[in-house]
């Protein structure tokens, strides 16, 4: 006979009949300590209150169990986790890379500039790169001019964090939003 297992996740706490300790320190629904109880007495108290007995700390001596509404506890825990992740995303700004070329057309340039401006206004950084092909390597100053023109067009909302720098066949520059 298979018993349904509510605590399927490894993060879930054992509740009610899943608890495998003989005695535990019981904490009431309002946070008051009810003292040491054997498991059957604790389950009776939880049933009488219409709540669940949750094993909060099984490794401690003595083990600690709390009488609470377990579904409400899980809901609030998930809500806090989601809020923490949201705050972390806001703090963790991305670097978006925009690839330009030495022979870029004015419309392509303006499109990349417009997209980069939107991204900068959200508070993210921009990395503008140019990959030199073939004989373009003979004139890296042309690529530098394109990058500086890109930075100049975005100068009202961004600052150059790293000047254009040639690494192999790639020249890159970093723009950060103005404070």
N, C-alpha and C. Protein backbone atom coordinates (compact mmCIF):
# COMPACT_ATOMS: atom_id res chain seq x y z
N UNK A 1 0.84 -1.18 0.00
CA UNK A 1 0.00 0.00 0.00
C UNK A 1 0.89 1.25 0.00
N UNK A 2 0.70 2.11 -0.99
CA UNK A 2 1.52 3.32 -1.16
C UNK A 2 0.89 4.47 -0.39
N UNK A 3 1.71 5.14 0.44
CA UNK A 3 1.25 6.30 1.18
C UNK A 3 1.64 7.53 0.39
N UNK A 4 0.69 8.48 0.20
CA UNK A 4 1.03 9.69 -0.55
C UNK A 4 2.04 10.50 0.25
N UNK A 5 2.99 11.03 -0.46
CA UNK A 5 4.08 11.75 0.17
C UNK A 5 3.98 13.22 -0.20
N UNK A 6 3.55 14.05 0.74
CA UNK A 6 3.40 15.47 0.46
C UNK A 6 4.77 16.12 0.27
N UNK A 7 5.74 15.75 1.11
CA UNK A 7 7.08 16.34 1.03
C UNK A 7 7.90 15.58 0.01
N UNK A 8 7.65 15.86 -1.27
CA UNK A 8 8.36 15.15 -2.35
C UNK A 8 9.74 15.75 -2.60
N UNK A 9 9.85 17.07 -2.49
CA UNK A 9 11.11 17.75 -2.70
C UNK A 9 12.07 17.47 -1.55
N UNK A 10 13.37 17.55 -1.85
CA UNK A 10 14.33 17.40 -0.75
C UNK A 10 14.31 18.63 0.15
N UNK A 11 13.78 19.77 -0.37
CA UNK A 11 13.68 20.99 0.42
C UNK A 11 12.46 20.99 1.34
N UNK A 12 11.52 20.08 1.09
CA UNK A 12 10.30 20.02 1.89
C UNK A 12 10.61 19.43 3.26
N UNK A 13 9.87 19.89 4.25
CA UNK A 13 10.05 19.40 5.62
C UNK A 13 9.07 18.25 5.88
N UNK A 14 9.48 17.27 6.70
CA UNK A 14 8.54 16.19 7.03
C UNK A 14 7.39 16.72 7.90
N UNK A 15 6.18 16.27 7.59
CA UNK A 15 5.02 16.73 8.36
C UNK A 15 4.20 15.54 8.84
N UNK A 16 3.47 15.77 9.93
CA UNK A 16 2.53 14.81 10.52
C UNK A 16 3.10 13.38 10.60
N UNK A 17 2.54 12.43 9.86
CA UNK A 17 2.96 11.02 9.99
C UNK A 17 4.32 10.73 9.36
N UNK A 18 4.89 11.68 8.64
CA UNK A 18 6.21 11.47 8.03
C UNK A 18 7.33 11.64 9.05
N UNK A 19 7.04 12.23 10.19
CA UNK A 19 8.05 12.50 11.21
C UNK A 19 8.44 11.18 11.87
N UNK A 20 9.73 10.91 11.93
CA UNK A 20 10.24 9.62 12.44
C UNK A 20 11.07 9.80 13.71
N UNK A 21 10.62 10.63 14.63
CA UNK A 21 11.28 10.75 15.93
C UNK A 21 10.26 10.41 17.00
N UNK A 22 10.74 9.89 18.15
CA UNK A 22 9.80 9.49 19.20
C UNK A 22 9.39 10.67 20.07
N UNK A 23 10.32 11.60 20.35
CA UNK A 23 10.00 12.76 21.17
C UNK A 23 10.52 14.01 20.50
N UNK A 24 9.81 15.12 20.71
CA UNK A 24 10.28 16.38 20.14
C UNK A 24 9.79 17.56 20.97
N UNK A 25 10.53 18.66 20.85
CA UNK A 25 10.15 19.92 21.48
C UNK A 25 9.08 20.53 20.58
N UNK A 26 7.91 20.82 21.14
CA UNK A 26 6.80 21.33 20.35
C UNK A 26 6.66 22.84 20.55
N UNK A 27 6.52 23.54 19.43
CA UNK A 27 6.26 24.98 19.45
C UNK A 27 4.85 25.18 18.91
N UNK A 28 4.06 25.95 19.63
CA UNK A 28 2.66 26.16 19.28
C UNK A 28 2.48 27.06 18.07
N UNK A 29 1.24 27.21 17.60
CA UNK A 29 0.96 28.00 16.40
C UNK A 29 1.28 29.49 16.57
N UNK A 30 1.29 29.99 17.81
CA UNK A 30 1.61 31.40 18.05
C UNK A 30 3.04 31.61 18.50
N UNK A 31 3.88 30.57 18.40
CA UNK A 31 5.29 30.68 18.76
C UNK A 31 5.60 30.33 20.20
N UNK A 32 4.60 29.93 20.98
CA UNK A 32 4.84 29.59 22.38
C UNK A 32 5.38 28.16 22.48
N UNK A 33 6.31 27.95 23.43
CA UNK A 33 6.88 26.62 23.63
C UNK A 33 5.92 25.78 24.47
N UNK A 34 5.64 24.61 23.98
CA UNK A 34 4.72 23.71 24.68
C UNK A 34 5.46 22.58 25.39
N UNK A 35 6.79 22.56 25.28
CA UNK A 35 7.60 21.57 25.99
C UNK A 35 7.82 20.30 25.20
N UNK A 36 8.46 19.34 25.88
CA UNK A 36 8.76 18.04 25.26
C UNK A 36 7.49 17.19 25.22
N UNK A 37 7.19 16.63 24.05
CA UNK A 37 6.01 15.77 23.89
C UNK A 37 6.43 14.56 23.07
N UNK A 38 5.74 13.43 23.29
CA UNK A 38 5.99 12.33 22.39
C UNK A 38 5.22 12.59 21.10
N UNK A 39 5.57 11.90 20.05
CA UNK A 39 5.05 12.21 18.71
C UNK A 39 3.53 12.10 18.65
N UNK A 40 2.94 11.11 19.33
CA UNK A 40 1.48 10.93 19.28
C UNK A 40 0.75 12.10 19.93
N UNK A 41 1.27 12.58 21.09
CA UNK A 41 0.65 13.72 21.76
C UNK A 41 0.75 14.97 20.89
N UNK A 42 1.89 15.16 20.25
CA UNK A 42 2.09 16.32 19.40
C UNK A 42 1.15 16.30 18.20
N UNK A 43 0.97 15.11 17.59
CA UNK A 43 0.05 14.97 16.47
C UNK A 43 -1.39 15.23 16.90
N UNK A 44 -1.74 14.79 18.10
CA UNK A 44 -3.09 15.03 18.63
C UNK A 44 -3.33 16.52 18.82
N UNK A 45 -2.32 17.21 19.38
CA UNK A 45 -2.43 18.67 19.56
C UNK A 45 -2.61 19.38 18.21
N UNK A 46 -1.84 18.96 17.20
CA UNK A 46 -1.93 19.58 15.88
C UNK A 46 -3.30 19.33 15.25
N UNK A 47 -3.80 18.09 15.37
CA UNK A 47 -5.11 17.76 14.83
C UNK A 47 -6.20 18.56 15.53
N UNK A 48 -6.09 18.71 16.82
CA UNK A 48 -7.08 19.45 17.61
C UNK A 48 -7.12 20.92 17.15
N UNK A 49 -5.96 21.47 16.79
CA UNK A 49 -5.88 22.86 16.34
C UNK A 49 -6.25 22.98 14.85
N UNK A 50 -6.39 21.86 14.17
CA UNK A 50 -6.72 21.87 12.74
C UNK A 50 -5.53 22.27 11.88
N UNK A 51 -4.31 22.03 12.40
CA UNK A 51 -3.09 22.42 11.70
C UNK A 51 -2.19 21.20 11.52
N UNK A 52 -0.98 21.43 10.96
CA UNK A 52 -0.02 20.36 10.72
C UNK A 52 1.11 20.45 11.74
N UNK A 53 1.70 19.28 12.06
CA UNK A 53 2.92 19.24 12.86
C UNK A 53 4.08 19.13 11.88
N UNK A 54 4.96 20.12 11.89
CA UNK A 54 6.07 20.17 10.93
C UNK A 54 7.38 20.02 11.69
N UNK A 55 8.23 19.09 11.24
CA UNK A 55 9.54 18.89 11.86
C UNK A 55 10.48 19.96 11.33
N UNK A 56 10.75 20.99 12.15
CA UNK A 56 11.57 22.12 11.73
C UNK A 56 13.06 21.78 11.77
N UNK A 57 13.47 21.05 12.80
CA UNK A 57 14.87 20.72 12.97
C UNK A 57 14.98 19.30 13.50
N UNK A 58 15.18 18.36 12.59
CA UNK A 58 15.25 16.95 12.98
C UNK A 58 16.60 16.54 13.53
N UNK A 59 17.66 17.28 13.18
CA UNK A 59 19.01 16.91 13.60
C UNK A 59 19.35 17.46 14.98
N UNK A 60 18.60 18.44 15.45
CA UNK A 60 18.89 19.05 16.75
C UNK A 60 18.52 18.08 17.87
N UNK A 61 19.12 18.29 19.06
CA UNK A 61 18.71 17.51 20.23
C UNK A 61 18.17 18.47 21.26
N UNK A 62 16.95 18.42 21.60
CA UNK A 62 15.91 17.54 21.03
C UNK A 62 15.42 18.06 19.68
N UNK A 63 14.79 17.17 18.92
CA UNK A 63 14.21 17.57 17.64
C UNK A 63 13.12 18.61 17.90
N UNK A 64 12.95 19.53 16.96
CA UNK A 64 11.98 20.62 17.15
C UNK A 64 10.88 20.50 16.10
N UNK A 65 9.63 20.50 16.58
CA UNK A 65 8.47 20.46 15.70
C UNK A 65 7.59 21.66 15.98
N UNK A 66 6.96 22.18 14.93
CA UNK A 66 6.10 23.35 15.10
C UNK A 66 4.71 23.03 14.56
N UNK A 67 3.71 23.51 15.27
CA UNK A 67 2.33 23.34 14.82
C UNK A 67 1.99 24.58 13.98
N UNK A 68 1.66 24.34 12.69
CA UNK A 68 1.38 25.46 11.77
C UNK A 68 0.59 24.98 10.58
N UNK A 69 0.10 25.93 9.78
CA UNK A 69 -0.55 25.62 8.51
C UNK A 69 0.58 25.46 7.48
N UNK A 70 0.87 24.23 7.09
CA UNK A 70 2.04 23.96 6.26
C UNK A 70 1.92 24.56 4.86
N UNK A 71 0.72 24.51 4.28
CA UNK A 71 0.56 25.08 2.93
C UNK A 71 0.79 26.59 2.94
N UNK A 72 0.34 27.27 3.98
CA UNK A 72 0.57 28.71 4.10
C UNK A 72 2.07 28.98 4.25
N UNK A 73 2.75 28.15 5.05
CA UNK A 73 4.19 28.28 5.25
C UNK A 73 4.94 28.13 3.92
N UNK A 74 4.58 27.11 3.14
CA UNK A 74 5.22 26.88 1.84
C UNK A 74 4.97 28.05 0.89
N UNK A 75 3.74 28.56 0.89
CA UNK A 75 3.39 29.69 0.03
C UNK A 75 4.22 30.92 0.37
N UNK A 76 4.32 31.25 1.65
CA UNK A 76 5.08 32.43 2.06
C UNK A 76 6.58 32.27 1.78
N UNK A 77 7.07 31.04 1.95
CA UNK A 77 8.48 30.76 1.67
C UNK A 77 8.77 30.96 0.18
N UNK A 78 7.88 30.47 -0.69
CA UNK A 78 8.05 30.63 -2.13
C UNK A 78 7.96 32.10 -2.53
N UNK A 79 7.07 32.83 -1.87
CA UNK A 79 6.90 34.26 -2.16
C UNK A 79 8.17 35.03 -1.80
N UNK A 80 8.77 34.72 -0.65
CA UNK A 80 10.02 35.37 -0.23
C UNK A 80 11.15 35.05 -1.20
N UNK A 81 11.24 33.80 -1.64
CA UNK A 81 12.28 33.38 -2.58
C UNK A 81 12.14 34.13 -3.91
N UNK A 82 10.90 34.26 -4.39
CA UNK A 82 10.64 34.96 -5.65
C UNK A 82 11.03 36.43 -5.53
N UNK A 83 10.71 37.04 -4.40
CA UNK A 83 11.05 38.45 -4.16
C UNK A 83 12.57 38.64 -4.10
N UNK A 84 13.27 37.71 -3.45
CA UNK A 84 14.73 37.78 -3.36
C UNK A 84 15.36 37.66 -4.75
N UNK A 85 14.83 36.76 -5.58
CA UNK A 85 15.35 36.60 -6.93
C UNK A 85 15.11 37.85 -7.77
N UNK A 86 13.97 38.50 -7.56
CA UNK A 86 13.65 39.73 -8.29
C UNK A 86 14.65 40.83 -7.92
N UNK A 87 14.93 40.97 -6.62
CA UNK A 87 15.90 41.97 -6.18
C UNK A 87 17.29 41.66 -6.73
N UNK A 88 17.64 40.39 -6.78
CA UNK A 88 18.96 40.00 -7.29
C UNK A 88 19.08 40.34 -8.78
N UNK A 89 18.01 40.12 -9.55
CA UNK A 89 18.03 40.46 -10.97
C UNK A 89 18.21 41.96 -11.18
N UNK A 90 17.55 42.76 -10.32
CA UNK A 90 17.68 44.21 -10.45
C UNK A 90 19.11 44.67 -10.16
N UNK A 91 19.77 44.00 -9.21
CA UNK A 91 21.14 44.37 -8.86
C UNK A 91 22.16 43.84 -9.85
N UNK A 92 21.82 42.76 -10.53
CA UNK A 92 22.76 42.10 -11.42
C UNK A 92 22.52 42.58 -12.86
N UNK A 93 23.14 43.68 -13.22
CA UNK A 93 22.95 44.25 -14.55
C UNK A 93 23.81 43.50 -15.57
N UNK A 94 23.30 43.42 -16.80
CA UNK A 94 23.98 42.67 -17.85
C UNK A 94 24.86 43.58 -18.70
N UNK A 95 25.73 42.93 -19.48
CA UNK A 95 26.51 43.63 -20.50
C UNK A 95 26.02 43.09 -21.84
N UNK A 96 25.48 43.97 -22.66
CA UNK A 96 24.96 43.59 -23.97
C UNK A 96 26.00 43.96 -25.01
N UNK A 97 26.27 43.05 -25.93
CA UNK A 97 27.29 43.30 -26.95
C UNK A 97 26.63 43.68 -28.28
N UNK A 98 27.12 44.76 -28.85
CA UNK A 98 26.65 45.20 -30.17
C UNK A 98 27.83 45.13 -31.12
N UNK A 99 27.66 44.41 -32.24
CA UNK A 99 28.73 44.26 -33.21
C UNK A 99 28.52 45.25 -34.35
N UNK A 100 29.55 46.02 -34.59
CA UNK A 100 29.55 46.98 -35.68
C UNK A 100 30.59 46.50 -36.69
N UNK A 101 30.69 47.19 -37.81
CA UNK A 101 31.76 46.87 -38.75
C UNK A 101 32.34 48.17 -39.29
N UNK A 102 33.51 48.07 -39.89
CA UNK A 102 34.19 49.25 -40.43
C UNK A 102 33.34 49.87 -41.53
N UNK A 103 32.67 49.04 -42.32
CA UNK A 103 31.89 49.51 -43.48
C UNK A 103 30.39 49.54 -43.17
N UNK A 104 30.01 49.83 -41.91
CA UNK A 104 28.60 49.78 -41.53
C UNK A 104 27.80 50.89 -42.23
N UNK A 105 26.60 50.53 -42.67
CA UNK A 105 25.72 51.48 -43.34
C UNK A 105 25.06 52.38 -42.29
N UNK A 106 24.64 53.56 -42.65
CA UNK A 106 24.08 54.54 -41.71
C UNK A 106 22.81 54.01 -41.04
N UNK A 107 21.96 53.29 -41.78
CA UNK A 107 20.72 52.78 -41.20
C UNK A 107 21.00 51.67 -40.17
N UNK A 108 21.94 50.78 -40.49
CA UNK A 108 22.33 49.73 -39.53
C UNK A 108 22.92 50.37 -38.28
N UNK A 109 23.73 51.39 -38.48
CA UNK A 109 24.36 52.11 -37.37
C UNK A 109 23.28 52.73 -36.47
N UNK A 110 22.30 53.41 -37.09
CA UNK A 110 21.23 54.05 -36.32
C UNK A 110 20.36 53.04 -35.58
N UNK A 111 20.11 51.89 -36.19
CA UNK A 111 19.32 50.85 -35.52
C UNK A 111 20.05 50.34 -34.28
N UNK A 112 21.34 50.05 -34.41
CA UNK A 112 22.11 49.57 -33.26
C UNK A 112 22.20 50.65 -32.18
N UNK A 113 22.35 51.90 -32.62
CA UNK A 113 22.41 53.02 -31.67
C UNK A 113 21.11 53.13 -30.88
N UNK A 114 19.97 53.00 -31.57
CA UNK A 114 18.65 53.11 -30.92
C UNK A 114 18.46 51.97 -29.91
N UNK A 115 18.80 50.75 -30.32
CA UNK A 115 18.68 49.59 -29.41
C UNK A 115 19.60 49.73 -28.21
N UNK A 116 20.82 50.19 -28.44
CA UNK A 116 21.78 50.37 -27.36
C UNK A 116 21.29 51.43 -26.39
N UNK A 117 20.68 52.50 -26.91
CA UNK A 117 20.17 53.58 -26.06
C UNK A 117 19.08 53.04 -25.13
N UNK A 118 18.18 52.21 -25.65
CA UNK A 118 17.12 51.62 -24.81
C UNK A 118 17.74 50.76 -23.71
N UNK A 119 18.74 49.99 -24.07
CA UNK A 119 19.38 49.11 -23.10
C UNK A 119 20.12 49.90 -22.02
N UNK A 120 20.79 50.98 -22.44
CA UNK A 120 21.50 51.83 -21.48
C UNK A 120 20.54 52.50 -20.51
N UNK A 121 19.36 52.89 -20.99
CA UNK A 121 18.38 53.55 -20.13
C UNK A 121 17.83 52.60 -19.07
N UNK A 122 17.90 51.30 -19.34
CA UNK A 122 17.49 50.31 -18.34
C UNK A 122 18.57 50.12 -17.27
N UNK A 123 19.76 50.71 -17.49
CA UNK A 123 20.82 50.62 -16.51
C UNK A 123 21.89 49.59 -16.82
N UNK A 124 21.82 48.96 -17.98
CA UNK A 124 22.80 47.94 -18.36
C UNK A 124 24.00 48.59 -19.05
N UNK A 125 25.07 47.82 -19.19
CA UNK A 125 26.26 48.29 -19.89
C UNK A 125 26.24 47.78 -21.32
N UNK A 126 26.99 48.47 -22.18
CA UNK A 126 27.07 48.11 -23.59
C UNK A 126 28.53 47.85 -23.96
N UNK A 127 28.75 46.76 -24.68
CA UNK A 127 30.08 46.49 -25.23
C UNK A 127 29.94 46.56 -26.74
N UNK A 128 30.60 47.54 -27.35
CA UNK A 128 30.57 47.70 -28.80
C UNK A 128 31.85 47.09 -29.36
N UNK A 129 31.70 46.19 -30.33
CA UNK A 129 32.87 45.52 -30.90
C UNK A 129 32.87 45.64 -32.42
N UNK A 130 34.08 45.62 -32.97
CA UNK A 130 34.27 45.57 -34.42
C UNK A 130 35.25 44.44 -34.70
N UNK A 131 34.86 43.56 -35.60
CA UNK A 131 35.74 42.46 -36.02
C UNK A 131 36.29 42.82 -37.40
N UNK A 132 37.59 42.92 -37.47
CA UNK A 132 38.24 43.29 -38.73
C UNK A 132 38.39 42.06 -39.61
N UNK A 133 38.11 42.23 -40.91
CA UNK A 133 38.20 41.13 -41.86
C UNK A 133 39.22 41.49 -42.93
N UNK A 134 40.03 40.54 -43.29
CA UNK A 134 40.96 40.70 -44.41
C UNK A 134 41.86 41.93 -44.29
N UNK A 135 41.82 42.78 -45.30
CA UNK A 135 42.70 43.94 -45.36
C UNK A 135 42.28 45.08 -44.45
N UNK A 136 41.14 44.95 -43.80
CA UNK A 136 40.70 45.98 -42.85
C UNK A 136 41.69 46.10 -41.70
N UNK A 137 42.46 45.05 -41.44
CA UNK A 137 43.46 45.08 -40.36
C UNK A 137 44.54 46.13 -40.63
N UNK A 138 44.71 46.52 -41.88
CA UNK A 138 45.73 47.52 -42.23
C UNK A 138 45.33 48.91 -41.74
N UNK A 139 44.03 49.12 -41.48
CA UNK A 139 43.55 50.43 -41.05
C UNK A 139 42.65 50.32 -39.81
N UNK A 140 43.23 49.98 -38.65
CA UNK A 140 42.39 49.86 -37.45
C UNK A 140 41.83 51.20 -37.00
N UNK A 141 42.43 52.31 -37.47
CA UNK A 141 41.92 53.63 -37.08
C UNK A 141 40.50 53.87 -37.62
N UNK A 142 40.14 53.21 -38.74
CA UNK A 142 38.78 53.34 -39.27
C UNK A 142 37.77 52.71 -38.31
N UNK A 143 38.13 51.57 -37.75
CA UNK A 143 37.27 50.91 -36.78
C UNK A 143 37.14 51.73 -35.51
N UNK A 144 38.26 52.33 -35.09
CA UNK A 144 38.24 53.17 -33.89
C UNK A 144 37.33 54.38 -34.10
N UNK A 145 37.36 54.94 -35.31
CA UNK A 145 36.49 56.07 -35.63
C UNK A 145 35.01 55.68 -35.51
N UNK A 146 34.66 54.48 -36.01
CA UNK A 146 33.27 54.01 -35.93
C UNK A 146 32.85 53.86 -34.47
N UNK A 147 33.72 53.26 -33.64
CA UNK A 147 33.39 53.07 -32.23
C UNK A 147 33.24 54.41 -31.50
N UNK A 148 34.14 55.34 -31.78
CA UNK A 148 34.06 56.65 -31.13
C UNK A 148 32.82 57.42 -31.59
N UNK A 149 32.45 57.25 -32.86
CA UNK A 149 31.22 57.89 -33.35
C UNK A 149 29.99 57.30 -32.64
N UNK A 150 30.02 55.97 -32.44
CA UNK A 150 28.94 55.28 -31.71
C UNK A 150 28.85 55.83 -30.28
N UNK A 151 30.00 55.98 -29.62
CA UNK A 151 30.03 56.51 -28.25
C UNK A 151 29.57 57.96 -28.22
N UNK A 152 29.97 58.74 -29.23
CA UNK A 152 29.59 60.15 -29.30
C UNK A 152 28.08 60.31 -29.48
N UNK A 153 27.48 59.44 -30.31
CA UNK A 153 26.03 59.49 -30.53
C UNK A 153 25.26 59.16 -29.24
N UNK A 154 25.85 58.33 -28.37
CA UNK A 154 25.20 57.93 -27.12
C UNK A 154 25.73 58.72 -25.92
N UNK A 155 26.50 59.79 -26.16
CA UNK A 155 27.17 60.50 -25.07
C UNK A 155 26.21 61.17 -24.09
N UNK A 156 24.97 61.47 -24.53
CA UNK A 156 24.03 62.12 -23.63
C UNK A 156 23.50 61.16 -22.55
N UNK A 157 23.53 59.84 -22.80
CA UNK A 157 23.05 58.88 -21.80
C UNK A 157 24.12 57.91 -21.31
N UNK A 158 25.34 58.00 -21.85
CA UNK A 158 26.37 57.05 -21.43
C UNK A 158 27.75 57.70 -21.37
N UNK A 159 28.63 57.02 -20.63
CA UNK A 159 30.03 57.40 -20.55
C UNK A 159 30.88 56.24 -21.05
N UNK A 160 32.05 56.56 -21.60
CA UNK A 160 32.98 55.50 -22.03
C UNK A 160 33.68 54.97 -20.79
N UNK A 161 33.45 53.70 -20.51
CA UNK A 161 34.09 53.07 -19.35
C UNK A 161 35.46 52.51 -19.73
N UNK A 162 35.56 51.97 -20.95
CA UNK A 162 36.84 51.45 -21.45
C UNK A 162 37.01 51.95 -22.88
N UNK A 163 38.11 52.65 -23.15
CA UNK A 163 38.39 53.20 -24.48
C UNK A 163 38.54 52.05 -25.49
N UNK A 164 38.35 52.34 -26.78
CA UNK A 164 38.52 51.29 -27.79
C UNK A 164 39.91 50.65 -27.71
N UNK A 165 39.93 49.33 -27.70
CA UNK A 165 41.18 48.60 -27.53
C UNK A 165 41.21 47.44 -28.53
N UNK A 166 42.32 47.29 -29.23
CA UNK A 166 42.47 46.24 -30.23
C UNK A 166 43.05 44.98 -29.59
N UNK A 167 42.32 43.87 -29.75
CA UNK A 167 42.80 42.57 -29.26
C UNK A 167 42.68 41.59 -30.40
N UNK A 168 43.79 41.26 -31.01
CA UNK A 168 43.77 40.37 -32.18
C UNK A 168 43.08 41.06 -33.34
N UNK A 169 42.01 40.45 -33.87
CA UNK A 169 41.25 41.04 -34.97
C UNK A 169 40.02 41.79 -34.47
N UNK A 170 39.84 41.91 -33.16
CA UNK A 170 38.65 42.54 -32.59
C UNK A 170 39.03 43.79 -31.82
N UNK A 171 38.28 44.87 -32.06
CA UNK A 171 38.42 46.09 -31.29
C UNK A 171 37.13 46.27 -30.49
N UNK A 172 37.28 46.53 -29.18
CA UNK A 172 36.07 46.66 -28.38
C UNK A 172 36.16 47.87 -27.45
N UNK A 173 34.98 48.33 -27.03
CA UNK A 173 34.86 49.48 -26.16
C UNK A 173 33.66 49.22 -25.25
N UNK A 174 33.74 49.71 -24.00
CA UNK A 174 32.67 49.50 -23.03
C UNK A 174 32.02 50.83 -22.69
N UNK A 175 30.68 50.86 -22.77
CA UNK A 175 29.91 52.05 -22.41
C UNK A 175 29.06 51.73 -21.18
N UNK A 176 29.01 52.67 -20.24
CA UNK A 176 28.20 52.50 -19.04
C UNK A 176 27.18 53.63 -18.99
N UNK A 177 26.00 53.40 -18.43
CA UNK A 177 24.99 54.47 -18.33
C UNK A 177 25.48 55.58 -17.40
N UNK A 178 25.08 56.82 -17.71
CA UNK A 178 25.46 57.95 -16.83
C UNK A 178 24.74 57.81 -15.51
N UNK A 179 25.40 58.23 -14.46
CA UNK A 179 24.81 58.16 -13.11
C UNK A 179 23.74 59.22 -12.97
